Amino acid sequence: MEAYARPRVVVSKCLEFDACRYNGDVIYNDVVKKLMDYVDFVPVCPEVEIGLGTPRETIRIVKKEENYLLLQPSTKRDVTKEMTSFADTYLAGIRDTDGFILKTRSPSCGVKEVKVYASTEKGPAIGHTSGLFGGKVEALFSHLAVEEEGRLNNFTIRDRFYTKLFTLASFRRLLPLGLEAVKEFHKKNYYLLMAYSKPTLKVMNRVLKNVDENGEEETVELYQKALHKLFNRAARNDSNRRVAREIFKRFESKLSIREVAFFEELMQKYANKKEPFSSITTLLKSHAIRFEDNEILEQTFFAPYPEILLEISDSGKGRDY
């Protein structure tokens, strides 16, 4: 299989890149650190960019009537307009980008679960929202791979993020090569796309068949839209099993009764979340090697991103088994 495309990822600068957190610290993050050999990072700290400096007094999101303001309690300073203006300008300039890794719960960068307060005075949070920068990222670039660094400690979330990130980067890399490159992409990613959404895969098949009607340029645009839609949902347990069976059919007649029974046993364990899906893909790949099925061996379904990034250890929640 060809070398993986290098994704371009906007990242919160405090994550491994600079000591720009409010207290002057840098946050060491194993996921970001490991990705450095495979990703082109673009670090940014919105709070520093609007002139808050490092170290700095903390800021918080305060709800006033229906408005969410970004305030600095110790100085009573309102930096809502500065942050909004920076976010609008910066994000308008985003080009050739495949994803974002943003600081969890940050009032500027957080995408989810950012605390909201009733005032700048001491008191409990009254709710949660998105940070002013992170919220705009989510609104404008939800079709890309967007995650917070804290959530990437979870194996399943990290696996989905990597799959989306490297697949989108691969597609972006081939776009200048035209329709034939898109067709090759479709062929090599066929089973991966099926695992995410069979209905959307059917749409993508129709798009490629209707090239005479739509022309090459529109066909590529329609295909890209479908690809972004496909990743709006995750590959589920049942869809993974469906794809595994599709691949297994290619070898079933050549296998012994015991080998077929072993495959069914693994499938049942995976369905009951007692076995990782990697056990099934490893078995399928071994059959493809044994029967020299190069079409299957070329499928990104088996390794949609560099395998060295795959680690089972995580917070213990949300695994696929």
C-alpha atoms as a PDB file:
ATOM      1  CA  MET A   1       0.000   0.000   0.000  1.00  0.00           C
ATOM      2  CA  GLU A   2       1.236   3.483  -0.840  1.00  0.00           C
ATOM      3  CA  ALA A   3       2.569   5.795   1.862  1.00  0.00           C
ATOM      4  CA  TYR A   4      -0.062   7.675   3.819  1.00  0.00           C
ATOM      5  CA  ALA A   5      -0.832  11.284   2.967  1.00  0.00           C
ATOM      6  CA  ARG A   6       0.307  13.789   5.602  1.00  0.00           C
ATOM      7  CA  PRO A   7      -2.753  15.499   7.065  1.00  0.00           C
ATOM      8  CA  ARG A   8      -2.634  19.225   7.823  1.00  0.00           C
ATOM      9  CA  VAL A   9      -4.040  19.872  11.308  1.00  0.00           C
ATOM     10  CA  VAL A  10      -4.681  23.115  13.189  1.00  0.00           C
ATOM     11  CA  VAL A  11      -3.802  22.522  16.852  1.00  0.00           C
ATOM     12  CA  SER A  12      -4.055  24.538  20.053  1.00  0.00           C
ATOM     13  CA  LYS A  13      -0.533  25.855  20.546  1.00  0.00           C
ATOM     14  CA  CYS A  14      -0.484  25.006  24.264  1.00  0.00           C
ATOM     15  CA  LEU A  15      -0.550  21.311  23.330  1.00  0.00           C
ATOM     16  CA  GLU A  16       3.140  20.382  23.034  1.00  0.00           C
ATOM     17  CA  PHE A  17       4.136  23.482  21.030  1.00  0.00           C
ATOM     18  CA  ASP A  18       4.455  26.474  23.361  1.00  0.00           C
ATOM     19  CA  ALA A  19       4.193  27.436  27.017  1.00  0.00           C
ATOM     20  CA  CYS A  20       1.228  29.688  26.312  1.00  0.00           C
ATOM     21  CA  ARG A  21      -1.410  28.374  28.701  1.00  0.00           C
ATOM     22  CA  TYR A  22      -2.910  30.996  31.033  1.00  0.00           C
ATOM     23  CA  ASN A  23      -0.492  29.948  33.801  1.00  0.00           C
ATOM     24  CA  GLY A  24       2.527  29.844  31.494  1.00  0.00           C
ATOM     25  CA  ASP A  25       2.585  26.069  31.147  1.00  0.00           C
ATOM     26  CA  VAL A  26       2.816  23.844  28.101  1.00  0.00           C
ATOM     27  CA  ILE A  27       0.548  20.793  28.081  1.00  0.00           C
ATOM     28  CA  TYR A  28       2.360  17.587  27.198  1.00  0.00           C
ATOM     29  CA  ASN A  29       0.106  15.357  25.142  1.00  0.00           C
ATOM     30  CA  ASP A  30       1.067  11.882  23.942  1.00  0.00           C
ATOM     31  CA  VAL A  31      -1.383  11.861  21.024  1.00  0.00           C
ATOM     32  CA  VAL A  32      -0.121  15.151  19.577  1.00  0.00           C
ATOM     33  CA  LYS A  33       3.485  14.168  20.193  1.00  0.00           C
ATOM     34  CA  LYS A  34       3.114  10.832  18.407  1.00  0.00           C
ATOM     35  CA  LEU A  35       1.320  12.462  15.473  1.00  0.00           C
ATOM     36  CA  MET A  36       4.180  14.876  14.828  1.00  0.00           C
ATOM     37  CA  ASP A  37       5.970  12.360  12.596  1.00  0.00           C
ATOM     38  CA  TYR A  38       2.861  11.882  10.451  1.00  0.00           C
ATOM     39  CA  VAL A  39       1.015  15.221  10.497  1.00  0.00           C
ATOM     40  CA  ASP A  40       1.812  18.804   9.510  1.00  0.00           C
ATOM     41  CA  PHE A  41       0.629  20.831  12.486  1.00  0.00           C
ATOM     42  CA  VAL A  42      -0.410  24.500  12.411  1.00  0.00           C
ATOM     43  CA  PRO A  43      -0.330  25.723  16.041  1.00  0.00           C
ATOM     44  CA  VAL A  44      -2.477  28.649  17.157  1.00  0.00           C
ATOM     45  CA  CYS A  45      -3.409  30.205  20.512  1.00  0.00           C
ATOM     46  CA  PRO A  46      -6.425  32.504  20.090  1.00  0.00           C
ATOM     47  CA  GLU A  47      -5.988  34.043  23.549  1.00  0.00           C
ATOM     48  CA  VAL A  48      -2.409  35.084  22.836  1.00  0.00           C
ATOM     49  CA  GLU A  49      -3.396  36.265  19.348  1.00  0.00           C
ATOM     50  CA  ILE A  50      -5.873  38.774  20.804  1.00  0.00           C
ATOM     51  CA  GLY A  51      -3.195  40.172  23.102  1.00  0.00           C
ATOM     52  CA  LEU A  52      -3.957  38.555  26.457  1.00  0.00           C
ATOM     53  CA  GLY A  53      -0.313  37.569  26.955  1.00  0.00           C
ATOM     54  CA  THR A  54       1.318  34.734  28.889  1.00  0.00           C
ATOM     55  CA  PRO A  55       0.862  34.217  31.771  1.00  0.00           C
ATOM     56  CA  ARG A  56      -2.554  35.879  31.987  1.00  0.00           C
ATOM     57  CA  GLU A  57      -5.591  36.169  34.158  1.00  0.00           C
ATOM     58  CA  THR A  58      -8.186  33.502  33.387  1.00  0.00           C
ATOM     59  CA  ILE A  59     -11.178  34.165  31.183  1.00  0.00           C
ATOM     60  CA  ARG A  60     -14.639  32.607  31.314  1.00  0.00           C
ATOM     61  CA  ILE A  61     -17.850  32.487  29.332  1.00  0.00           C
ATOM     62  CA  VAL A  62     -20.662  34.406  31.001  1.00  0.00           C
ATOM     63  CA  LYS A  63     -24.276  34.290  29.863  1.00  0.00           C
ATOM     64  CA  LYS A  64     -26.017  37.664  29.761  1.00  0.00           C
ATOM     65  CA  GLU A  65     -29.632  37.243  28.704  1.00  0.00           C
ATOM     66  CA  GLU A  66     -29.265  35.297  25.419  1.00  0.00           C
ATOM     67  CA  ASN A  67     -25.661  36.319  24.757  1.00  0.00           C
ATOM     68  CA  TYR A  68     -22.466  34.455  25.635  1.00  0.00           C
ATOM     69  CA  LEU A  69     -19.666  36.833  26.560  1.00  0.00           C
ATOM     70  CA  LEU A  70     -15.966  36.113  27.035  1.00  0.00           C
ATOM     71  CA  LEU A  71     -14.936  37.986  30.161  1.00  0.00           C
ATOM     72  CA  GLN A  72     -11.866  38.286  32.385  1.00  0.00           C
ATOM     73  CA  PRO A  73     -13.191  38.273  35.964  1.00  0.00           C
ATOM     74  CA  SER A  74     -10.156  39.895  37.637  1.00  0.00           C
ATOM     75  CA  THR A  75     -10.127  42.890  35.277  1.00  0.00           C
ATOM     76  CA  LYS A  76     -13.806  42.918  34.178  1.00  0.00           C
ATOM     77  CA  ARG A  77     -12.478  43.094  30.627  1.00  0.00           C
ATOM     78  CA  ASP A  78     -14.801  41.944  27.830  1.00  0.00           C
ATOM     79  CA  VAL A  79     -12.844  40.292  25.018  1.00  0.00           C
ATOM     80  CA  THR A  80     -15.837  38.875  23.154  1.00  0.00           C
ATOM     81  CA  LYS A  81     -15.439  41.111  20.106  1.00  0.00           C
ATOM     82  CA  GLU A  82     -11.685  40.578  19.900  1.00  0.00           C
ATOM     83  CA  MET A  83     -12.058  36.794  20.037  1.00  0.00           C
ATOM     84  CA  THR A  84     -14.947  36.735  17.580  1.00  0.00           C
ATOM     85  CA  SER A  85     -13.065  38.974  15.147  1.00  0.00           C
ATOM     86  CA  PHE A  86      -9.901  36.864  15.386  1.00  0.00           C
ATOM     87  CA  ALA A  87     -11.833  33.617  14.897  1.00  0.00           C
ATOM     88  CA  ASP A  88     -13.662  34.968  11.854  1.00  0.00           C
ATOM     89  CA  THR A  89     -10.487  36.274  10.228  1.00  0.00           C
ATOM     90  CA  TYR A  90      -8.308  33.281  11.038  1.00  0.00           C
ATOM     91  CA  LEU A  91     -10.810  30.643   9.999  1.00  0.00           C
ATOM     92  CA  ALA A  92     -11.639  32.471   6.777  1.00  0.00           C
ATOM     93  CA  GLY A  93      -8.023  31.898   5.778  1.00  0.00           C
ATOM     94  CA  ILE A  94      -8.063  28.132   6.382  1.00  0.00           C
ATOM     95  CA  ARG A  95      -6.949  26.262   3.279  1.00  0.00           C
ATOM     96  CA  ASP A  96      -5.889  22.676   2.558  1.00  0.00           C
ATOM     97  CA  THR A  97      -6.673  21.601   6.114  1.00  0.00           C
ATOM     98  CA  ASP A  98      -7.921  18.168   7.149  1.00  0.00           C
ATOM     99  CA  GLY A  99      -8.616  18.574  10.852  1.00  0.00           C
ATOM    100  CA  PHE A 100      -8.340  20.327  14.202  1.00  0.00           C
ATOM    101  CA  ILE A 101      -7.141  19.219  17.651  1.00  0.00           C
ATOM    102  CA  LEU A 102      -8.290  21.769  20.214  1.00  0.00           C
ATOM    103  CA  LYS A 103      -7.878  22.224  23.965  1.00  0.00           C
ATOM    104  CA  THR A 104     -10.590  20.535  25.967  1.00  0.00           C
ATOM    105  CA  ARG A 105     -12.995  22.814  27.893  1.00  0.00           C
ATOM    106  CA  SER A 106     -11.077  25.963  26.990  1.00  0.00           C
ATOM    107  CA  PRO A 107     -13.342  29.071  26.896  1.00  0.00           C
ATOM    108  CA  SER A 108     -11.657  29.944  23.616  1.00  0.00           C
ATOM    109  CA  CYS A 109     -10.762  26.594  21.963  1.00  0.00           C
ATOM    110  CA  GLY A 110     -13.156  24.115  23.570  1.00  0.00           C
ATOM    111  CA  VAL A 111     -15.631  22.410  21.250  1.00  0.00           C
ATOM    112  CA  LYS A 112     -17.836  20.823  23.933  1.00  0.00           C
ATOM    113  CA  GLU A 113     -18.512  21.035  27.640  1.00  0.00           C
ATOM    114  CA  VAL A 114     -17.073  24.530  28.208  1.00  0.00           C
ATOM    115  CA  LYS A 115     -18.438  25.891  31.488  1.00  0.00           C
ATOM    116  CA  VAL A 116     -20.842  28.815  31.397  1.00  0.00           C
ATOM    117  CA  TYR A 117     -21.247  31.145  34.382  1.00  0.00           C
ATOM    118  CA  ALA A 118     -23.923  33.598  35.434  1.00  0.00           C
ATOM    119  CA  SER A 119     -21.418  36.354  36.219  1.00  0.00           C
ATOM    120  CA  THR A 120     -17.740  37.098  36.800  1.00  0.00           C
ATOM    121  CA  GLU A 121     -18.261  36.564  40.528  1.00  0.00           C
ATOM    122  CA  LYS A 122     -17.393  33.293  42.222  1.00  0.00           C
ATOM    123  CA  GLY A 123     -20.077  30.682  41.805  1.00  0.00           C
ATOM    124  CA  PRO A 124     -20.913  27.365  40.182  1.00  0.00           C
ATOM    125  CA  ALA A 125     -21.297  26.903  36.446  1.00  0.00           C
ATOM    126  CA  ILE A 126     -24.856  27.181  35.152  1.00  0.00           C
ATOM    127  CA  GLY A 127     -24.368  25.168  31.983  1.00  0.00           C
ATOM    128  CA  HIS A 128     -22.072  24.257  29.133  1.00  0.00           C
ATOM    129  CA  THR A 129     -21.397  25.511  25.608  1.00  0.00           C
ATOM    130  CA  SER A 130     -18.578  25.752  23.066  1.00  0.00           C
ATOM    131  CA  GLY A 131     -15.616  28.109  23.294  1.00  0.00           C
ATOM    132  CA  LEU A 132     -15.847  31.147  21.027  1.00  0.00           C
ATOM    133  CA  PHE A 133     -13.100  29.912  18.692  1.00  0.00           C
ATOM    134  CA  GLY A 134     -13.886  26.207  19.009  1.00  0.00           C
ATOM    135  CA  GLY A 135     -17.579  26.780  18.407  1.00  0.00           C
ATOM    136  CA  LYS A 136     -16.870  28.515  15.116  1.00  0.00           C
ATOM    137  CA  VAL A 137     -14.525  25.690  14.103  1.00  0.00           C
ATOM    138  CA  GLU A 138     -17.291  23.176  14.754  1.00  0.00           C
ATOM    139  CA  ALA A 139     -19.838  25.266  12.832  1.00  0.00           C
ATOM    140  CA  LEU A 140     -17.624  25.855   9.796  1.00  0.00           C
ATOM    141  CA  PHE A 141     -15.565  22.664   9.619  1.00  0.00           C
ATOM    142  CA  SER A 142     -17.668  19.843  11.000  1.00  0.00           C
ATOM    143  CA  HIS A 143     -17.054  18.037   7.692  1.00  0.00           C
ATOM    144  CA  LEU A 144     -13.371  17.786   8.681  1.00  0.00           C
ATOM    145  CA  ALA A 145     -11.822  15.782  11.530  1.00  0.00           C
ATOM    146  CA  VAL A 146     -12.391  17.953  14.619  1.00  0.00           C
ATOM    147  CA  GLU A 147     -11.639  16.773  18.164  1.00  0.00           C
ATOM    148  CA  GLU A 148     -10.522  17.928  21.587  1.00  0.00           C
ATOM    149  CA  GLU A 149      -7.304  16.523  22.963  1.00  0.00           C
ATOM    150  CA  GLY A 150      -8.979  15.117  26.085  1.00  0.00           C
ATOM    151  CA  ARG A 151     -11.431  13.017  24.087  1.00  0.00           C
ATOM    152  CA  LEU A 152      -8.573  11.561  22.050  1.00  0.00           C
ATOM    153  CA  ASN A 153      -7.492   9.590  25.145  1.00  0.00           C
ATOM    154  CA  ASN A 154     -10.417   7.318  24.321  1.00  0.00           C
ATOM    155  CA  PHE A 155      -9.441   4.489  21.970  1.00  0.00           C
ATOM    156  CA  THR A 156     -12.658   4.435  19.935  1.00  0.00           C
ATOM    157  CA  ILE A 157     -12.826   8.221  19.494  1.00  0.00           C
ATOM    158  CA  ARG A 158      -9.142   8.329  18.562  1.00  0.00           C
ATOM    159  CA  ASP A 159      -9.554   5.501  16.031  1.00  0.00           C
ATOM    160  CA  ARG A 160     -12.485   7.289  14.358  1.00  0.00           C
ATOM    161  CA  PHE A 161     -10.604  10.594  14.329  1.00  0.00           C
ATOM    162  CA  TYR A 162      -7.505   9.066  12.739  1.00  0.00           C
ATOM    163  CA  THR A 163      -9.586   7.214  10.136  1.00  0.00           C
ATOM    164  CA  LYS A 164     -11.420  10.363   9.082  1.00  0.00           C
ATOM    165  CA  LEU A 165      -8.291  12.517   9.208  1.00  0.00           C
ATOM    166  CA  PHE A 166      -6.051  10.317   7.064  1.00  0.00           C
ATOM    167  CA  THR A 167      -8.829   9.430   4.608  1.00  0.00           C
ATOM    168  CA  LEU A 168      -9.656  13.095   4.013  1.00  0.00           C
ATOM    169  CA  ALA A 169      -5.956  13.916   3.646  1.00  0.00           C
ATOM    170  CA  SER A 170      -5.579  11.145   1.078  1.00  0.00           C
ATOM    171  CA  PHE A 171      -8.521  12.492  -0.890  1.00  0.00           C
ATOM    172  CA  ARG A 172      -7.248  16.090  -0.733  1.00  0.00           C
ATOM    173  CA  ARG A 173      -3.840  14.976  -2.015  1.00  0.00           C
ATOM    174  CA  LEU A 174      -5.317  13.351  -5.121  1.00  0.00           C
ATOM    175  CA  LEU A 175      -7.812  16.119  -6.013  1.00  0.00           C
ATOM    176  CA  PRO A 176      -5.405  17.868  -8.433  1.00  0.00           C
ATOM    177  CA  LEU A 177      -5.006  14.557 -10.289  1.00  0.00           C
ATOM    178  CA  GLY A 178      -8.622  14.512 -11.433  1.00  0.00           C
ATOM    179  CA  LEU A 179     -11.372  11.967 -11.843  1.00  0.00           C
ATOM    180  CA  GLU A 180      -9.247   8.891 -12.536  1.00  0.00           C
ATOM    181  CA  ALA A 181      -7.449   9.383  -9.225  1.00  0.00           C
ATOM    182  CA  VAL A 182     -10.836   9.715  -7.482  1.00  0.00           C
ATOM    183  CA  LYS A 183     -11.938   6.414  -9.032  1.00  0.00           C
ATOM    184  CA  GLU A 184      -8.771   4.735  -7.747  1.00  0.00           C
ATOM    185  CA  PHE A 185      -9.406   6.225  -4.300  1.00  0.00           C
ATOM    186  CA  HIS A 186     -12.952   4.845  -4.391  1.00  0.00           C
ATOM    187  CA  LYS A 187     -11.691   1.393  -5.315  1.00  0.00           C
ATOM    188  CA  LYS A 188      -9.100   1.191  -2.533  1.00  0.00           C
ATOM    189  CA  ASN A 189     -11.438   2.641   0.104  1.00  0.00           C
ATOM    190  CA  TYR A 190     -14.523   0.708  -0.994  1.00  0.00           C
ATOM    191  CA  TYR A 191     -14.951  -1.488   2.081  1.00  0.00           C
ATOM    192  CA  LEU A 192     -14.018   1.304   4.472  1.00  0.00           C
ATOM    193  CA  LEU A 193     -16.705   3.509   2.922  1.00  0.00           C
ATOM    194  CA  MET A 194     -19.194   0.642   3.146  1.00  0.00           C
ATOM    195  CA  ALA A 195     -18.477   0.261   6.858  1.00  0.00           C
ATOM    196  CA  TYR A 196     -19.363   3.907   7.485  1.00  0.00           C
ATOM    197  CA  SER A 197     -22.516   4.134   5.391  1.00  0.00           C
ATOM    198  CA  LYS A 198     -23.778   1.732   2.743  1.00  0.00           C
ATOM    199  CA  PRO A 199     -26.495   4.181   1.556  1.00  0.00           C
ATOM    200  CA  THR A 200     -23.913   6.952   1.069  1.00  0.00           C
ATOM    201  CA  LEU A 201     -21.618   4.495  -0.694  1.00  0.00           C
ATOM    202  CA  LYS A 202     -24.448   3.820  -3.156  1.00  0.00           C
ATOM    203  CA  VAL A 203     -24.724   7.564  -3.767  1.00  0.00           C
ATOM    204  CA  MET A 204     -20.969   7.721  -4.420  1.00  0.00           C
ATOM    205  CA  ASN A 205     -21.261   4.810  -6.860  1.00  0.00           C
ATOM    206  CA  ARG A 206     -24.007   6.646  -8.771  1.00  0.00           C
ATOM    207  CA  VAL A 207     -21.988   9.863  -8.834  1.00  0.00           C
ATOM    208  CA  LEU A 208     -19.079   8.093 -10.509  1.00  0.00           C
ATOM    209  CA  LYS A 209     -21.382   6.372 -12.995  1.00  0.00           C
ATOM    210  CA  ASN A 210     -23.017   9.659 -14.030  1.00  0.00           C
ATOM    211  CA  VAL A 211     -19.825  11.378 -15.159  1.00  0.00           C
ATOM    212  CA  ASP A 212     -21.079  11.724 -18.741  1.00  0.00           C
ATOM    213  CA  GLU A 213     -24.126  13.582 -17.480  1.00  0.00           C
ATOM    214  CA  ASN A 214     -22.418  15.822 -14.917  1.00  0.00           C
ATOM    215  CA  GLY A 215     -18.926  16.257 -16.323  1.00  0.00           C
ATOM    216  CA  GLU A 216     -15.650  15.538 -14.532  1.00  0.00           C
ATOM    217  CA  GLU A 217     -15.426  18.683 -12.391  1.00  0.00           C
ATOM    218  CA  GLU A 218     -18.971  18.425 -11.004  1.00  0.00           C
ATOM    219  CA  THR A 219     -18.553  14.685 -10.492  1.00  0.00           C
ATOM    220  CA  VAL A 220     -15.516  15.253  -8.277  1.00  0.00           C
ATOM    221  CA  GLU A 221     -17.373  17.969  -6.319  1.00  0.00           C
ATOM    222  CA  LEU A 222     -20.395  15.724  -5.781  1.00  0.00           C
ATOM    223  CA  TYR A 223     -18.164  12.857  -4.716  1.00  0.00           C
ATOM    224  CA  GLN A 224     -16.368  15.073  -2.190  1.00  0.00           C
ATOM    225  CA  LYS A 225     -19.677  16.212  -0.689  1.00  0.00           C
ATOM    226  CA  ALA A 226     -20.771  12.607  -0.328  1.00  0.00           C
ATOM    227  CA  LEU A 227     -17.450  11.696   1.301  1.00  0.00           C
ATOM    228  CA  HIS A 228     -17.884  14.450   3.896  1.00  0.00           C
ATOM    229  CA  LYS A 229     -21.452  13.306   4.558  1.00  0.00           C
ATOM    230  CA  LEU A 230     -20.332   9.713   4.973  1.00  0.00           C
ATOM    231  CA  PHE A 231     -18.073  10.592   7.900  1.00  0.00           C
ATOM    232  CA  ASN A 232     -20.888  12.358   9.769  1.00  0.00           C
ATOM    233  CA  ARG A 233     -21.528   9.026  11.460  1.00  0.00           C
ATOM    234  CA  ALA A 234     -19.229   6.357  12.806  1.00  0.00           C
ATOM    235  CA  ALA A 235     -18.848   2.801  11.592  1.00  0.00           C
ATOM    236  CA  ARG A 236     -21.107   0.710  13.817  1.00  0.00           C
ATOM    237  CA  ASN A 237     -20.730  -2.809  15.148  1.00  0.00           C
ATOM    238  CA  ASP A 238     -23.349  -4.168  12.740  1.00  0.00           C
ATOM    239  CA  SER A 239     -21.938  -2.395   9.677  1.00  0.00           C
ATOM    240  CA  ASN A 240     -18.427  -3.613  10.493  1.00  0.00           C
ATOM    241  CA  ARG A 241     -19.768  -7.154  10.670  1.00  0.00           C
ATOM    242  CA  ARG A 242     -21.596  -6.702   7.373  1.00  0.00           C
ATOM    243  CA  VAL A 243     -18.388  -5.649   5.631  1.00  0.00           C
ATOM    244  CA  ALA A 244     -16.431  -8.479   7.248  1.00  0.00           C
ATOM    245  CA  ARG A 245     -18.939 -10.963   5.843  1.00  0.00           C
ATOM    246  CA  GLU A 246     -18.696  -9.401   2.376  1.00  0.00           C
ATOM    247  CA  ILE A 247     -14.940  -9.936   2.417  1.00  0.00           C
ATOM    248  CA  PHE A 248     -15.193 -13.393   3.982  1.00  0.00           C
ATOM    249  CA  LYS A 249     -17.429 -14.590   1.132  1.00  0.00           C
ATOM    250  CA  ARG A 250     -14.420 -14.341  -1.165  1.00  0.00           C
ATOM    251  CA  PHE A 251     -12.636 -17.087   0.782  1.00  0.00           C
ATOM    252  CA  GLU A 252     -15.414 -19.137   2.377  1.00  0.00           C
ATOM    253  CA  SER A 253     -15.583 -21.853  -0.297  1.00  0.00           C
ATOM    254  CA  LYS A 254     -11.837 -22.447   0.034  1.00  0.00           C
ATOM    255  CA  LEU A 255     -11.873 -22.879   3.810  1.00  0.00           C
ATOM    256  CA  SER A 256     -12.460 -25.881   6.026  1.00  0.00           C
ATOM    257  CA  ILE A 257     -15.573 -26.270   8.163  1.00  0.00           C
ATOM    258  CA  ARG A 258     -13.502 -25.537  11.282  1.00  0.00           C
ATOM    259  CA  GLU A 259     -12.086 -22.357   9.745  1.00  0.00           C
ATOM    260  CA  VAL A 260     -15.558 -21.104   8.855  1.00  0.00           C
ATOM    261  CA  ALA A 261     -16.764 -21.965  12.363  1.00  0.00           C
ATOM    262  CA  PHE A 262     -13.856 -20.040  13.891  1.00  0.00           C
ATOM    263  CA  PHE A 263     -14.768 -16.952  11.854  1.00  0.00           C
ATOM    264  CA  GLU A 264     -18.385 -17.193  13.027  1.00  0.00           C
ATOM    265  CA  GLU A 265     -17.194 -17.549  16.622  1.00  0.00           C
ATOM    266  CA  LEU A 266     -15.126 -14.361  16.352  1.00  0.00           C
ATOM    267  CA  MET A 267     -18.034 -12.522  14.767  1.00  0.00           C
ATOM    268  CA  GLN A 268     -20.346 -13.507  17.605  1.00  0.00           C
ATOM    269  CA  LYS A 269     -17.822 -12.427  20.230  1.00  0.00           C
ATOM    270  CA  TYR A 270     -17.402  -9.066  18.487  1.00  0.00           C
ATOM    271  CA  ALA A 271     -21.181  -8.638  18.306  1.00  0.00           C
ATOM    272  CA  ASN A 272     -21.285  -9.221  22.087  1.00  0.00           C
ATOM    273  CA  LYS A 273     -18.378  -6.768  22.604  1.00  0.00           C
ATOM    274  CA  LYS A 274     -16.120  -9.517  23.920  1.00  0.00           C
ATOM    275  CA  GLU A 275     -13.583  -9.355  21.088  1.00  0.00           C
ATOM    276  CA  PRO A 276     -11.941  -6.407  19.292  1.00  0.00           C
ATOM    277  CA  PHE A 277     -12.739  -5.959  15.614  1.00  0.00           C
ATOM    278  CA  SER A 278      -9.003  -6.110  14.911  1.00  0.00           C
ATOM    279  CA  SER A 279      -9.157  -9.871  15.568  1.00  0.00           C
ATOM    280  CA  ILE A 280     -11.548 -10.227  12.634  1.00  0.00           C
ATOM    281  CA  THR A 281      -9.639  -7.926  10.272  1.00  0.00           C
ATOM    282  CA  THR A 282      -6.392  -9.754  11.082  1.00  0.00           C
ATOM    283  CA  LEU A 283      -8.024 -13.087  10.234  1.00  0.00           C
ATOM    284  CA  LEU A 284      -9.456 -11.712   6.975  1.00  0.00           C
ATOM    285  CA  LYS A 285      -6.106 -10.257   6.006  1.00  0.00           C
ATOM    286  CA  SER A 286      -4.404 -13.587   6.662  1.00  0.00           C
ATOM    287  CA  HIS A 287      -6.879 -15.273   4.296  1.00  0.00           C
ATOM    288  CA  ALA A 288      -6.207 -12.595   1.656  1.00  0.00           C
ATOM    289  CA  ILE A 289      -2.473 -13.273   1.947  1.00  0.00           C
ATOM    290  CA  ARG A 290      -2.981 -17.024   1.838  1.00  0.00           C
ATOM    291  CA  PHE A 291      -5.123 -16.857  -1.322  1.00  0.00           C
ATOM    292  CA  GLU A 292      -3.138 -13.976  -2.850  1.00  0.00           C
ATOM    293  CA  ASP A 293      -6.155 -11.675  -3.118  1.00  0.00           C
ATOM    294  CA  ASN A 294      -4.333  -8.428  -3.884  1.00  0.00           C
ATOM    295  CA  GLU A 295      -7.557  -6.491  -4.424  1.00  0.00           C
ATOM    296  CA  ILE A 296      -8.454  -7.104  -0.788  1.00  0.00           C
ATOM    297  CA  LEU A 297      -4.917  -6.536   0.488  1.00  0.00           C
ATOM    298  CA  GLU A 298      -4.960  -3.053  -1.072  1.00  0.00           C
ATOM    299  CA  GLN A 299      -8.064  -2.056   0.860  1.00  0.00           C
ATOM    300  CA  THR A 300      -7.611   0.771   3.386  1.00  0.00           C
ATOM    301  CA  PHE A 301     -10.259  -0.975   5.491  1.00  0.00           C
ATOM    302  CA  PHE A 302      -7.463  -2.954   7.138  1.00  0.00           C
ATOM    303  CA  ALA A 303      -5.244   0.040   7.981  1.00  0.00           C
ATOM    304  CA  PRO A 304      -6.799   3.456   7.228  1.00  0.00           C
ATOM    305  CA  TYR A 305      -3.958   5.190   9.071  1.00  0.00           C
ATOM    306  CA  PRO A 306      -0.369   4.292  10.100  1.00  0.00           C
ATOM    307  CA  GLU A 307      -0.575   1.250  12.352  1.00  0.00           C
ATOM    308  CA  ILE A 308       2.101   2.628  14.666  1.00  0.00           C
ATOM    309  CA  LEU A 309      -0.500   5.145  15.880  1.00  0.00           C
ATOM    310  CA  LEU A 310      -2.805   2.372  17.051  1.00  0.00           C
ATOM    311  CA  GLU A 311      -2.741   1.836  20.808  1.00  0.00           C
ATOM    312  CA  ILE A 312      -5.353  -0.128  22.707  1.00  0.00           C
ATOM    313  CA  SER A 313      -4.545   1.475  26.074  1.00  0.00           C
ATOM    314  CA  ASP A 314      -6.857   4.357  26.923  1.00  0.00           C
ATOM    315  CA  SER A 315      -9.181   5.609  29.636  1.00  0.00           C
ATOM    316  CA  GLY A 316     -10.893   2.214  29.593  1.00  0.00           C
ATOM    317  CA  LYS A 317     -14.126   3.630  28.165  1.00  0.00           C
ATOM    318  CA  GLY A 318     -15.601   3.379  24.727  1.00  0.00           C
ATOM    319  CA  ARG A 319     -13.502   0.570  23.294  1.00  0.00           C
ATOM    320  CA  ASP A 320     -14.923  -1.440  20.459  1.00  0.00           C
ATOM    321  CA  TYR A 321     -15.143  -4.569  22.582  1.00  0.00           C
END
